[in-house]
Amino acid sequence: MARIAVIGAGMGAMAAAARLAVAGHRVTVYERSGTYGGSLGQHAEEGFAFDTGPGLLHLPAVHRDLFVKTGKEPLERCVTLAQVDPASRHLFADGTSVSLPNASRAGTVAALDTALGGGAGAKWGAFLDRARDAWDRSRRPLLEEPLRPDWQVLGRDPYPAEEHRRLLRPARRAGTVAEIGAWELAEPRLAALLDGYALAYGLDPLRAPASAALLPYMEETFGSWYVMGGMRALARAVYERCLARKVEFVLGAEVARVVEKDGRAAGVELADGTVAEAAHVVLGARPWPGLVPGRELWADGDVTVRPQAGASGRFVVMLSLRGGRPADAVHRTVVHPADGAAEREAVFGGRTAAHPTVTVLRPDDPSTRPDAEHEAVTLTATVAPHGPVDWTDEALRTRYADTLIDAADAAVPGLRERVLRTRVRTPAETAADTGAEGGAVPPPALAGAGGAFLHAANRTRLPGLLLAGGWSHPGGGLAHAGMSGALVAGTVVEGDAFRGSQ
């Protein structure tokens, strides 16, 4: 039995902590804020409750595995999962709309054919076939194994792009999300649909490799789920599982540095000077300068936790509404702008987009509202991080909230007239709460692009110091963070012999 210190109480860190405790280790989690859950926050006020981070759960098998491996009670006994059907409704600038069913390939193809015509469903179906091939080729090395020392093999894009022959010019293959939309889907609304998936994960469609096709494939294959009580209920369930496994939490404890002794991690030093010894240290946050004084955690040629060019954050508007939620309301609606290129240029160029893609969430959950005569609605857009844009500017915050409300009116007619109260959360708040530079949200790891979209390996160059969570392999997103926790626990328990889940 070894003593293990975990820095941060995000979902990846808690997943690692629970698994390590089950393996017989004594685990203590040190969290700089006063609570647990990382990005899975909740704002509650006068009977209304809103998720401030992810609003839906994708790839629930990751968390089902966590609960199976750490106790007798499965995930569904600890939280109530509800399938979201339709999975999403999409409103396009030309007035057309389409509702996509949950986890039904045939239903999605049929819906796109009916709504968009012109063989749109067949085009999207063929795209998903190629995305499935990319999933099959890269799932294990990208998501289920520690990052290989020869990580360069993941620099090749696994997406089997179609070859497009052109008269008197060389054939071309799509290498980015935007090129898939332009050359393979070749339908502006389908291209906007694909771009929306990339943007939702904080990725620039112009730069994100074609392997990002995995993201819509995962959602449309494994489904979208809502956790009753809000996603915060999932964080609470993981926290309680940790407590049941005797994990100790020290909240309001900021770690200043990792202590090194005899060439390996030997504990943590808190900001107040307290030193806690440990045989292993798990960092569940983005590494910061001086984390290990005088030590380089990565050598030349390693994948490191480097700022992604054009990193992005989230702008969230929480609306307390008068009037009940209609029975036929859709849980998730995505409102696409007329000029996606202008949005991309603004967001990833450090400016505010005049017409952003807006996701509208309307959960059918009594716990989110004071009574049946009110409704809680959340609007979200991907935006430039704090710094390039001053998200502490109250006038800008108010103006941009109005921009999102105007766009969301297409999804919720008469929205503005129903608003009782508006609350806003920007990358500035994310930066303050999590310490992430600019409030940036880490994207998932992707193969291709020469490895530019990979994250740091869970092992560092300092023996005994490991990384979990969105800033490490296999990257950001709720499912990916959970996978990182499993990889870290396996590495500690099995050592160099660990090769990932079987």
Protein backbone atom coordinates (compact mmCIF):
# COMPACT_ATOMS: atom_id res chain seq x y z
CA MET A 1 0.00 0.00 0.00
CA ALA A 2 1.43 3.36 -1.07
CA ARG A 3 0.44 6.91 -0.22
CA ILE A 4 -0.66 8.83 -3.32
CA ALA A 5 -1.29 12.57 -3.62
CA VAL A 6 -3.72 13.78 -6.30
CA ILE A 7 -3.66 17.44 -7.30
CA GLY A 8 -7.12 18.64 -8.30
CA ALA A 9 -10.60 17.17 -7.93
CA GLY A 10 -11.69 17.22 -11.57
CA MET A 11 -13.39 14.22 -13.15
CA GLY A 12 -10.20 12.65 -14.50
CA ALA A 13 -8.39 13.09 -11.18
CA MET A 14 -11.29 11.63 -9.17
CA ALA A 15 -11.55 8.68 -11.59
CA ALA A 16 -7.87 7.95 -10.96
CA ALA A 17 -8.29 8.41 -7.20
CA ALA A 18 -11.20 5.96 -6.91
CA ARG A 19 -9.42 3.30 -8.97
CA LEU A 20 -6.19 3.68 -7.02
CA ALA A 21 -8.00 3.45 -3.70
CA VAL A 22 -9.68 0.21 -4.78
CA ALA A 23 -6.21 -1.13 -5.59
CA GLY A 24 -5.29 -0.64 -1.93
CA HIS A 25 -3.51 2.72 -1.99
CA ARG A 26 -4.05 5.56 0.49
CA VAL A 27 -5.17 8.47 -1.67
CA THR A 28 -5.47 12.13 -0.72
CA VAL A 29 -6.88 14.71 -3.14
CA TYR A 30 -5.80 18.36 -2.81
CA GLU A 31 -8.16 20.82 -4.50
CA ARG A 32 -7.49 24.57 -4.73
CA SER A 33 -11.19 25.49 -4.84
CA GLY A 34 -13.83 24.74 -2.26
CA THR A 35 -15.51 21.96 -4.20
CA TYR A 36 -15.02 18.97 -6.49
CA GLY A 37 -15.97 18.18 -10.08
CA GLY A 38 -13.82 20.51 -12.15
CA SER A 39 -15.79 21.66 -15.17
CA LEU A 40 -18.98 19.96 -13.94
CA GLY A 41 -20.23 22.97 -12.03
CA GLN A 42 -23.75 24.10 -11.32
CA HIS A 43 -25.29 27.50 -10.68
CA ALA A 44 -28.42 27.45 -8.51
CA GLU A 45 -30.57 30.46 -7.70
CA GLU A 46 -34.16 30.84 -6.48
CA GLY A 47 -35.22 27.36 -7.51
CA PHE A 48 -33.44 27.35 -10.89
CA ALA A 49 -30.35 25.22 -11.58
CA PHE A 50 -27.99 25.30 -14.56
CA ASP A 51 -25.00 23.24 -15.65
CA THR A 52 -22.03 25.56 -16.16
CA GLY A 53 -19.98 22.96 -18.03
CA PRO A 54 -20.92 20.03 -20.25
CA GLY A 55 -24.67 19.51 -20.43
CA LEU A 56 -24.78 16.01 -21.91
CA LEU A 57 -22.97 12.73 -21.40
CA HIS A 58 -21.50 10.89 -24.38
CA LEU A 59 -19.82 7.48 -24.30
CA PRO A 60 -21.34 6.58 -20.90
CA ALA A 61 -19.48 3.25 -21.01
CA VAL A 62 -16.43 5.09 -19.63
CA HIS A 63 -18.24 5.96 -16.41
CA ARG A 64 -20.07 2.66 -16.26
CA ASP A 65 -16.67 0.97 -16.25
CA LEU A 66 -15.47 3.27 -13.46
CA PHE A 67 -18.39 2.32 -11.23
CA VAL A 68 -18.12 -1.40 -12.03
CA LYS A 69 -14.42 -1.40 -11.20
CA THR A 70 -14.75 0.59 -7.96
CA GLY A 71 -17.80 -0.85 -6.18
CA LYS A 72 -20.90 -2.99 -6.15
CA GLU A 73 -23.34 -0.25 -7.16
CA PRO A 74 -23.35 0.39 -10.94
CA LEU A 75 -23.60 3.86 -12.40
CA GLU A 76 -27.36 3.67 -12.98
CA ARG A 77 -27.97 3.07 -9.27
CA CYS A 78 -26.06 6.21 -8.40
CA VAL A 79 -27.49 8.55 -11.03
CA THR A 80 -30.51 8.51 -13.32
CA LEU A 81 -29.56 8.56 -17.00
CA ALA A 82 -32.11 9.63 -19.60
CA GLN A 83 -31.55 9.17 -23.31
CA VAL A 84 -32.03 12.43 -25.19
CA ASP A 85 -34.31 11.81 -28.16
CA PRO A 86 -34.09 13.46 -30.56
CA ALA A 87 -30.40 13.78 -29.85
CA SER A 88 -30.34 17.22 -31.41
CA ARG A 89 -32.29 19.60 -33.59
CA HIS A 90 -30.42 21.75 -36.08
CA LEU A 91 -31.65 25.10 -37.39
CA PHE A 92 -29.90 26.47 -40.46
CA ALA A 93 -29.71 30.03 -41.70
CA ASP A 94 -31.89 29.32 -44.75
CA GLY A 95 -34.78 28.34 -42.47
CA THR A 96 -34.51 24.57 -42.86
CA SER A 97 -34.30 22.36 -39.80
CA VAL A 98 -33.69 18.71 -39.00
CA SER A 99 -34.07 16.62 -35.85
CA LEU A 100 -31.60 13.77 -35.53
CA PRO A 101 -32.66 10.70 -33.52
CA ASN A 102 -30.54 9.29 -30.73
CA ALA A 103 -28.15 6.49 -31.73
CA SER A 104 -30.01 5.56 -34.92
CA ARG A 105 -27.91 5.56 -38.06
CA ALA A 106 -30.88 4.72 -40.32
CA GLY A 107 -33.03 7.31 -38.60
CA THR A 108 -30.39 10.01 -39.05
CA VAL A 109 -29.98 9.24 -42.75
CA ALA A 110 -33.75 9.29 -43.28
CA ALA A 111 -34.16 12.55 -41.35
CA LEU A 112 -31.45 14.30 -43.38
CA ASP A 113 -32.90 13.06 -46.66
CA THR A 114 -36.36 14.33 -45.72
CA ALA A 115 -35.22 17.70 -44.39
CA LEU A 116 -32.39 18.59 -46.77
CA GLY A 117 -33.10 16.48 -49.86
CA GLY A 118 -30.59 15.92 -52.62
CA GLY A 119 -29.26 12.68 -51.17
CA ALA A 120 -28.02 14.48 -48.05
CA GLY A 121 -28.67 11.43 -45.90
CA ALA A 122 -26.65 9.17 -48.18
CA LYS A 123 -23.74 11.63 -48.12
CA TRP A 124 -23.79 11.79 -44.34
CA GLY A 125 -24.12 8.01 -44.08
CA ALA A 126 -21.10 7.48 -46.34
CA PHE A 127 -19.17 9.98 -44.23
CA LEU A 128 -20.07 8.03 -41.07
CA ASP A 129 -18.83 4.83 -42.75
CA ARG A 130 -15.44 6.46 -43.22
CA ALA A 131 -15.57 7.84 -39.67
CA ARG A 132 -16.22 4.32 -38.39
CA ASP A 133 -13.12 3.11 -40.21
CA ALA A 134 -11.13 5.89 -38.52
CA TRP A 135 -12.60 4.85 -35.16
CA ASP A 136 -11.65 1.21 -35.69
CA ARG A 137 -8.12 2.13 -36.72
CA SER A 138 -7.37 4.54 -33.89
CA ARG A 139 -9.65 3.73 -30.94
CA ARG A 140 -7.21 1.57 -29.03
CA PRO A 141 -3.90 3.42 -29.54
CA LEU A 142 -5.55 6.83 -29.22
CA LEU A 143 -8.01 6.30 -26.36
CA GLU A 144 -7.40 3.03 -24.53
CA GLU A 145 -3.62 2.84 -24.23
CA PRO A 146 -0.99 5.09 -22.65
CA LEU A 147 0.63 7.35 -25.21
CA ARG A 148 3.34 5.32 -26.89
CA PRO A 149 6.97 6.46 -26.77
CA ASP A 150 6.84 6.34 -30.57
CA TRP A 151 3.78 8.59 -30.54
CA GLN A 152 4.72 9.79 -34.02
CA VAL A 153 2.78 6.82 -35.43
CA LEU A 154 -0.35 8.73 -34.43
CA GLY A 155 0.74 11.62 -36.61
CA ARG A 156 -0.82 9.89 -39.61
CA ASP A 157 -4.53 10.64 -40.03
CA PRO A 158 -6.64 7.45 -39.79
CA TYR A 159 -9.58 8.96 -41.68
CA PRO A 160 -9.84 7.30 -45.13
CA ALA A 161 -10.60 10.41 -47.15
CA GLU A 162 -12.08 9.98 -50.59
CA GLU A 163 -9.94 10.79 -53.58
CA HIS A 164 -11.39 13.61 -55.66
CA ARG A 165 -10.06 13.73 -59.19
CA ARG A 166 -9.95 17.08 -60.99
CA LEU A 167 -9.46 17.87 -64.65
CA LEU A 168 -5.82 18.71 -65.43
CA ARG A 169 -5.02 18.99 -61.73
CA PRO A 170 -3.76 16.49 -59.13
CA ALA A 171 -6.34 14.53 -57.17
CA ARG A 172 -7.01 15.78 -53.67
CA ARG A 173 -8.06 14.26 -50.35
CA ALA A 174 -9.64 16.03 -47.41
CA GLY A 175 -7.17 16.57 -44.59
CA THR A 176 -9.26 18.79 -42.30
CA VAL A 177 -12.82 19.00 -41.05
CA ALA A 178 -13.50 21.98 -43.32
CA GLU A 179 -12.22 20.08 -46.34
CA ILE A 180 -14.46 17.10 -45.56
CA GLY A 181 -17.39 19.49 -45.55
CA ALA A 182 -16.42 21.20 -48.78
CA TRP A 183 -15.22 18.21 -50.83
CA GLU A 184 -16.96 15.11 -49.46
CA LEU A 185 -20.23 16.35 -48.02
CA ALA A 186 -20.44 19.13 -50.60
CA GLU A 187 -23.66 20.48 -49.07
CA PRO A 188 -23.47 23.71 -47.03
CA ARG A 189 -25.86 22.55 -44.32
CA LEU A 190 -24.09 19.22 -43.90
CA ALA A 191 -20.79 21.09 -43.74
CA ALA A 192 -22.28 23.37 -41.04
CA LEU A 193 -23.47 20.28 -39.16
CA LEU A 194 -19.96 18.83 -39.16
CA ASP A 195 -18.37 22.17 -38.25
CA GLY A 196 -20.75 22.39 -35.29
CA TYR A 197 -19.43 19.13 -33.86
CA ALA A 198 -15.85 20.41 -34.10
CA LEU A 199 -16.70 23.79 -32.57
CA ALA A 200 -18.53 22.15 -29.67
CA TYR A 201 -15.22 20.53 -28.70
CA GLY A 202 -13.30 23.78 -29.14
CA LEU A 203 -11.71 22.80 -32.46
CA ASP A 204 -11.16 25.03 -35.47
CA PRO A 205 -12.62 23.20 -38.49
CA LEU A 206 -9.97 24.80 -40.71
CA ARG A 207 -7.15 23.24 -38.65
CA ALA A 208 -8.67 20.17 -37.01
CA PRO A 209 -7.54 17.01 -38.82
CA ALA A 210 -10.03 14.86 -40.68
CA SER A 211 -9.82 12.36 -37.81
CA ALA A 212 -12.14 14.69 -35.88
CA ALA A 213 -14.82 12.72 -37.74
CA LEU A 214 -14.57 10.44 -34.68
CA LEU A 215 -16.51 13.02 -32.66
CA PRO A 216 -19.84 12.92 -34.55
CA TYR A 217 -19.36 9.18 -35.02
CA MET A 218 -19.11 8.65 -31.24
CA GLU A 219 -22.15 10.81 -30.51
CA GLU A 220 -24.33 9.32 -33.22
CA THR A 221 -23.27 5.73 -32.50
CA PHE A 222 -23.22 5.62 -28.69
CA GLY A 223 -25.89 8.21 -28.06
CA SER A 224 -26.45 11.32 -25.96
CA TRP A 225 -27.53 11.08 -22.34
CA TYR A 226 -28.71 13.54 -19.72
CA VAL A 227 -28.07 13.04 -16.01
CA MET A 228 -31.19 13.92 -14.05
CA GLY A 229 -30.41 16.66 -11.58
CA GLY A 230 -27.86 18.05 -14.01
CA MET A 231 -24.37 16.90 -14.83
CA ARG A 232 -23.30 18.01 -11.37
CA ALA A 233 -25.09 14.88 -10.12
CA LEU A 234 -22.51 12.78 -11.98
CA ALA A 235 -19.66 14.66 -10.30
CA ARG A 236 -21.34 14.12 -6.93
CA ALA A 237 -21.69 10.39 -7.61
CA VAL A 238 -17.99 10.03 -8.48
CA TYR A 239 -17.04 12.09 -5.42
CA GLU A 240 -19.19 9.87 -3.19
CA ARG A 241 -17.67 6.77 -4.75
CA CYS A 242 -14.24 8.14 -3.85
CA LEU A 243 -15.35 8.74 -0.26
CA ALA A 244 -16.75 5.21 -0.07
CA ARG A 245 -13.34 3.91 -1.13
CA LYS A 246 -11.71 5.98 1.67
CA VAL A 247 -10.23 8.68 -0.54
CA GLU A 248 -9.50 11.79 1.55
CA PHE A 249 -10.30 15.24 0.12
CA VAL A 250 -8.60 18.43 1.28
CA LEU A 251 -10.55 21.30 -0.28
CA GLY A 252 -9.27 24.86 -0.41
CA ALA A 253 -5.71 23.50 -0.51
CA GLU A 254 -3.56 24.96 -3.27
CA VAL A 255 -0.51 22.95 -4.24
CA ALA A 256 2.54 25.13 -4.91
CA ARG A 257 4.91 22.46 -6.19
CA VAL A 258 5.73 18.78 -6.41
CA VAL A 259 8.48 17.66 -4.04
CA GLU A 260 11.32 15.73 -5.66
CA LYS A 261 13.61 13.39 -3.74
CA ASP A 262 16.23 10.99 -5.06
CA GLY A 263 15.16 11.66 -8.63
CA ARG A 264 11.45 10.93 -8.26
CA ALA A 265 8.25 12.60 -7.06
CA ALA A 266 8.03 12.33 -3.29
CA GLY A 267 4.99 14.42 -2.37
CA VAL A 268 3.50 17.90 -2.65
CA GLU A 269 4.09 21.23 -0.96
CA LEU A 270 1.00 23.37 -0.35
CA ALA A 271 0.90 27.13 -0.67
CA ASP A 272 1.01 27.46 3.13
CA GLY A 273 4.28 25.52 3.24
CA THR A 274 2.81 22.21 4.42
CA VAL A 275 4.51 19.19 2.87
CA ALA A 276 2.64 15.92 2.32
CA GLU A 277 4.79 12.94 1.43
CA ALA A 278 3.66 10.50 -1.25
CA ALA A 279 5.07 7.65 -3.30
CA HIS A 280 3.24 8.90 -6.40
CA VAL A 281 1.73 12.25 -7.38
CA VAL A 282 -1.11 12.52 -9.87
CA LEU A 283 -1.59 15.96 -11.40
CA GLY A 284 -5.18 16.51 -12.49
CA ALA A 285 -4.58 20.03 -13.80
CA ARG A 286 -2.53 21.71 -16.47
CA PRO A 287 1.16 21.79 -15.46
CA TRP A 288 2.43 25.24 -14.53
CA PRO A 289 5.92 26.79 -14.49
CA GLY A 290 7.77 25.78 -11.35
CA LEU A 291 5.63 22.70 -10.74
CA VAL A 292 8.88 20.79 -10.15
CA PRO A 293 11.62 23.39 -9.57
CA GLY A 294 14.69 22.88 -11.71
CA ARG A 295 13.22 19.92 -13.55
CA GLU A 296 12.19 19.57 -17.19
CA LEU A 297 9.22 17.23 -17.35
CA TRP A 298 9.53 16.67 -21.09
CA ALA A 299 12.50 16.18 -23.37
CA ASP A 300 12.87 17.42 -26.92
CA GLY A 301 10.65 15.34 -29.16
CA ASP A 302 8.09 14.50 -26.46
CA VAL A 303 4.45 15.51 -26.73
CA THR A 304 4.04 18.26 -24.14
CA VAL A 305 1.16 20.22 -22.69
CA ARG A 306 1.49 23.09 -25.10
CA PRO A 307 -1.12 25.76 -25.81
CA GLN A 308 -3.06 24.78 -28.89
CA ALA A 309 -2.98 27.50 -31.52
CA GLY A 310 -6.35 29.22 -31.48
CA ALA A 311 -7.45 27.77 -28.14
CA SER A 312 -11.04 28.55 -27.26
CA GLY A 313 -13.34 28.87 -24.28
CA ARG A 314 -17.07 28.79 -23.52
CA PHE A 315 -19.58 31.61 -23.14
CA VAL A 316 -22.63 30.42 -21.19
CA VAL A 317 -25.92 32.26 -20.70
CA MET A 318 -28.25 30.90 -18.00
CA LEU A 319 -31.85 32.01 -18.41
CA SER A 320 -34.56 31.77 -15.77
CA LEU A 321 -37.82 31.85 -17.71
CA ARG A 322 -41.46 32.40 -16.85
CA GLY A 323 -43.76 29.90 -18.50
CA GLY A 324 -43.49 26.13 -18.50
CA ARG A 325 -41.48 23.93 -20.83
CA PRO A 326 -43.70 22.72 -23.70
CA ALA A 327 -44.13 18.95 -23.89
CA ASP A 328 -42.72 18.88 -27.42
CA ALA A 329 -39.62 20.96 -26.63
CA VAL A 330 -36.33 19.50 -27.85
CA HIS A 331 -33.59 19.03 -25.26
CA ARG A 332 -30.74 20.26 -27.50
CA THR A 333 -31.05 22.63 -30.43
CA VAL A 334 -28.08 23.97 -32.40
CA VAL A 335 -28.61 27.24 -34.24
CA HIS A 336 -26.13 27.57 -37.10
CA PRO A 337 -25.09 30.99 -38.47
CA ALA A 338 -25.20 31.99 -42.11
CA ASP A 339 -21.44 32.62 -42.29
CA GLY A 340 -19.52 29.88 -40.53
CA ALA A 341 -16.23 31.09 -41.98
CA ALA A 342 -16.64 34.49 -40.32
CA GLU A 343 -17.35 32.79 -37.00
CA ARG A 344 -14.24 30.62 -37.26
CA GLU A 345 -12.05 33.58 -38.16
CA ALA A 346 -13.33 35.54 -35.17
CA VAL A 347 -13.21 32.80 -32.53
CA PHE A 348 -9.79 31.47 -33.46
CA GLY A 349 -8.46 34.91 -34.30
CA GLY A 350 -9.09 36.27 -30.79
CA ARG A 351 -12.28 38.25 -31.50
CA THR A 352 -15.99 37.94 -30.80
CA ALA A 353 -18.12 36.44 -33.56
CA ALA A 354 -21.05 38.58 -34.66
CA HIS A 355 -23.12 35.48 -35.36
CA PRO A 356 -21.93 32.45 -33.35
CA THR A 357 -23.17 28.88 -33.41
CA VAL A 358 -25.45 28.67 -30.37
CA THR A 359 -26.42 25.49 -28.53
CA VAL A 360 -29.71 25.70 -26.64
CA LEU A 361 -30.32 23.21 -23.83
CA ARG A 362 -33.84 22.75 -22.43
CA PRO A 363 -33.73 19.76 -20.06
CA ASP A 364 -37.00 18.12 -19.08
CA ASP A 365 -35.94 17.97 -15.43
CA PRO A 366 -38.14 19.26 -12.59
CA SER A 367 -35.07 19.73 -10.39
CA THR A 368 -33.83 22.54 -12.64
CA ARG A 369 -36.84 24.82 -12.10
CA PRO A 370 -38.94 25.97 -9.14
CA ASP A 371 -42.21 24.58 -10.57
CA ALA A 372 -43.99 23.60 -13.77
CA GLU A 373 -44.70 27.26 -14.57
CA HIS A 374 -41.04 28.07 -15.11
CA GLU A 375 -38.17 26.78 -17.24
CA ALA A 376 -34.36 26.81 -17.03
CA VAL A 377 -32.60 27.23 -20.40
CA THR A 378 -28.86 27.34 -21.07
CA LEU A 379 -27.23 28.88 -24.14
CA THR A 380 -23.61 28.10 -25.04
CA ALA A 381 -21.20 29.33 -27.71
CA THR A 382 -17.53 28.62 -28.37
CA VAL A 383 -15.56 31.85 -28.05
CA ALA A 384 -12.04 33.22 -27.96
CA PRO A 385 -10.33 32.84 -24.56
CA HIS A 386 -9.96 35.56 -21.97
CA GLY A 387 -6.99 37.75 -22.84
CA PRO A 388 -7.45 38.31 -26.55
CA VAL A 389 -11.01 39.24 -25.54
CA ASP A 390 -11.60 41.00 -22.22
CA TRP A 391 -14.43 38.91 -20.83
CA THR A 392 -14.48 40.97 -17.61
CA ASP A 393 -15.90 43.92 -19.59
CA GLU A 394 -19.50 44.14 -18.33
CA ALA A 395 -20.75 45.95 -21.43
CA LEU A 396 -19.27 43.23 -23.67
CA ARG A 397 -20.71 40.46 -21.49
CA THR A 398 -24.19 41.98 -21.67
CA ARG A 399 -23.95 42.64 -25.39
CA TYR A 400 -22.76 39.13 -26.19
CA ALA A 401 -25.42 37.55 -24.00
CA ASP A 402 -27.97 39.49 -26.06
CA THR A 403 -26.37 38.12 -29.23
CA LEU A 404 -26.89 34.56 -28.03
CA ILE A 405 -30.45 35.27 -26.90
CA ASP A 406 -31.29 36.76 -30.30
CA ALA A 407 -29.98 33.65 -32.04
CA ALA A 408 -31.75 31.31 -29.63
CA ASP A 409 -35.10 32.92 -30.34
CA ALA A 410 -35.24 30.71 -33.44
CA ALA A 411 -35.22 27.68 -31.15
CA VAL A 412 -37.43 29.13 -28.40
CA PRO A 413 -39.87 31.59 -30.00
CA GLY A 414 -40.64 34.55 -27.77
CA LEU A 415 -37.63 33.75 -25.60
CA ARG A 416 -36.71 37.31 -24.67
CA GLU A 417 -40.21 38.13 -23.41
CA ARG A 418 -40.03 35.16 -21.00
CA VAL A 419 -36.72 36.07 -19.35
CA LEU A 420 -36.89 36.68 -15.61
CA ARG A 421 -33.17 36.62 -14.91
CA THR A 422 -29.96 36.30 -16.90
CA ARG A 423 -26.67 35.01 -15.57
CA VAL A 424 -23.47 34.83 -17.62
CA ARG A 425 -20.34 32.72 -17.35
CA THR A 426 -17.35 33.48 -19.56
CA PRO A 427 -13.78 32.22 -20.01
CA ALA A 428 -12.76 34.76 -17.37
CA GLU A 429 -14.70 32.82 -14.73
CA THR A 430 -13.33 29.52 -16.07
CA ALA A 431 -9.79 30.87 -15.73
CA ALA A 432 -10.42 32.03 -12.17
CA ASP A 433 -12.01 28.74 -11.11
CA THR A 434 -9.71 26.25 -12.82
CA GLY A 435 -6.45 28.11 -13.35
CA ALA A 436 -6.53 27.27 -17.07
CA GLU A 437 -4.83 30.04 -19.02
CA GLY A 438 -7.47 32.28 -20.56
CA GLY A 439 -10.19 29.90 -19.46
CA ALA A 440 -9.34 27.67 -22.40
CA VAL A 441 -11.08 24.31 -22.59
CA PRO A 442 -8.85 21.39 -23.68
CA PRO A 443 -10.01 19.61 -26.84
CA PRO A 444 -9.88 15.82 -27.19
CA ALA A 445 -6.74 14.22 -28.58
CA LEU A 446 -6.84 13.52 -32.31
CA ALA A 447 -4.56 11.50 -34.54
CA GLY A 448 -3.15 13.11 -37.66
CA ALA A 449 -1.66 16.54 -38.32
CA GLY A 450 1.77 15.20 -37.40
CA GLY A 451 0.70 14.78 -33.77
CA ALA A 452 -0.19 18.46 -33.28
CA PHE A 453 -3.50 17.51 -31.62
CA LEU A 454 -2.10 14.99 -29.15
CA HIS A 455 -1.68 15.75 -25.44
CA ALA A 456 1.08 15.04 -22.99
CA ALA A 457 1.63 11.43 -21.99
CA ASN A 458 0.28 10.35 -18.61
CA ARG A 459 3.85 9.55 -17.56
CA THR A 460 6.28 12.44 -17.20
CA ARG A 461 10.08 12.46 -17.19
CA LEU A 462 9.96 12.60 -13.39
CA PRO A 463 9.31 9.07 -12.10
CA GLY A 464 6.30 8.96 -9.82
CA LEU A 465 4.60 12.04 -11.34
CA LEU A 466 1.67 11.27 -13.63
CA LEU A 467 -0.95 13.38 -15.43
CA ALA A 468 -4.71 12.85 -15.51
CA GLY A 469 -7.55 14.96 -16.89
CA GLY A 470 -8.21 16.97 -20.01
CA TRP A 471 -4.73 18.45 -20.38
CA SER A 472 -3.17 15.01 -20.68
CA HIS A 473 -3.61 11.97 -22.91
CA PRO A 474 -6.23 11.32 -24.32
CA GLY A 475 -7.39 14.92 -23.98
CA GLY A 476 -10.43 16.98 -23.11
CA GLY A 477 -14.07 16.04 -22.88
CA LEU A 478 -15.86 14.19 -20.12
CA ALA A 479 -15.35 10.71 -21.57
CA HIS A 480 -11.70 11.37 -22.42
CA ALA A 481 -10.98 12.66 -18.91
CA GLY A 482 -12.43 9.47 -17.46
CA MET A 483 -10.21 7.43 -19.77
CA SER A 484 -7.16 9.34 -18.53
CA GLY A 485 -8.00 8.38 -14.95
CA ALA A 486 -8.11 4.70 -15.93
CA LEU A 487 -4.76 4.97 -17.73
CA VAL A 488 -3.08 6.64 -14.76
CA ALA A 489 -4.40 4.08 -12.29
CA GLY A 490 -3.30 1.22 -14.52
CA THR A 491 0.15 2.73 -14.88
CA VAL A 492 0.60 3.07 -11.10
CA VAL A 493 -0.73 -0.41 -10.31
CA GLU A 494 0.92 -2.38 -13.12
CA GLY A 495 3.96 -0.23 -13.85
CA ASP A 496 5.77 -0.58 -17.15
CA ALA A 497 3.80 -3.72 -17.96
CA PHE A 498 0.55 -1.77 -18.31
CA ARG A 499 -0.67 -1.51 -21.89
CA GLY A 500 -4.23 -0.30 -21.41
CA SER A 501 -7.63 -1.97 -21.20
CA GLN A 502 -8.07 -5.31 -22.85
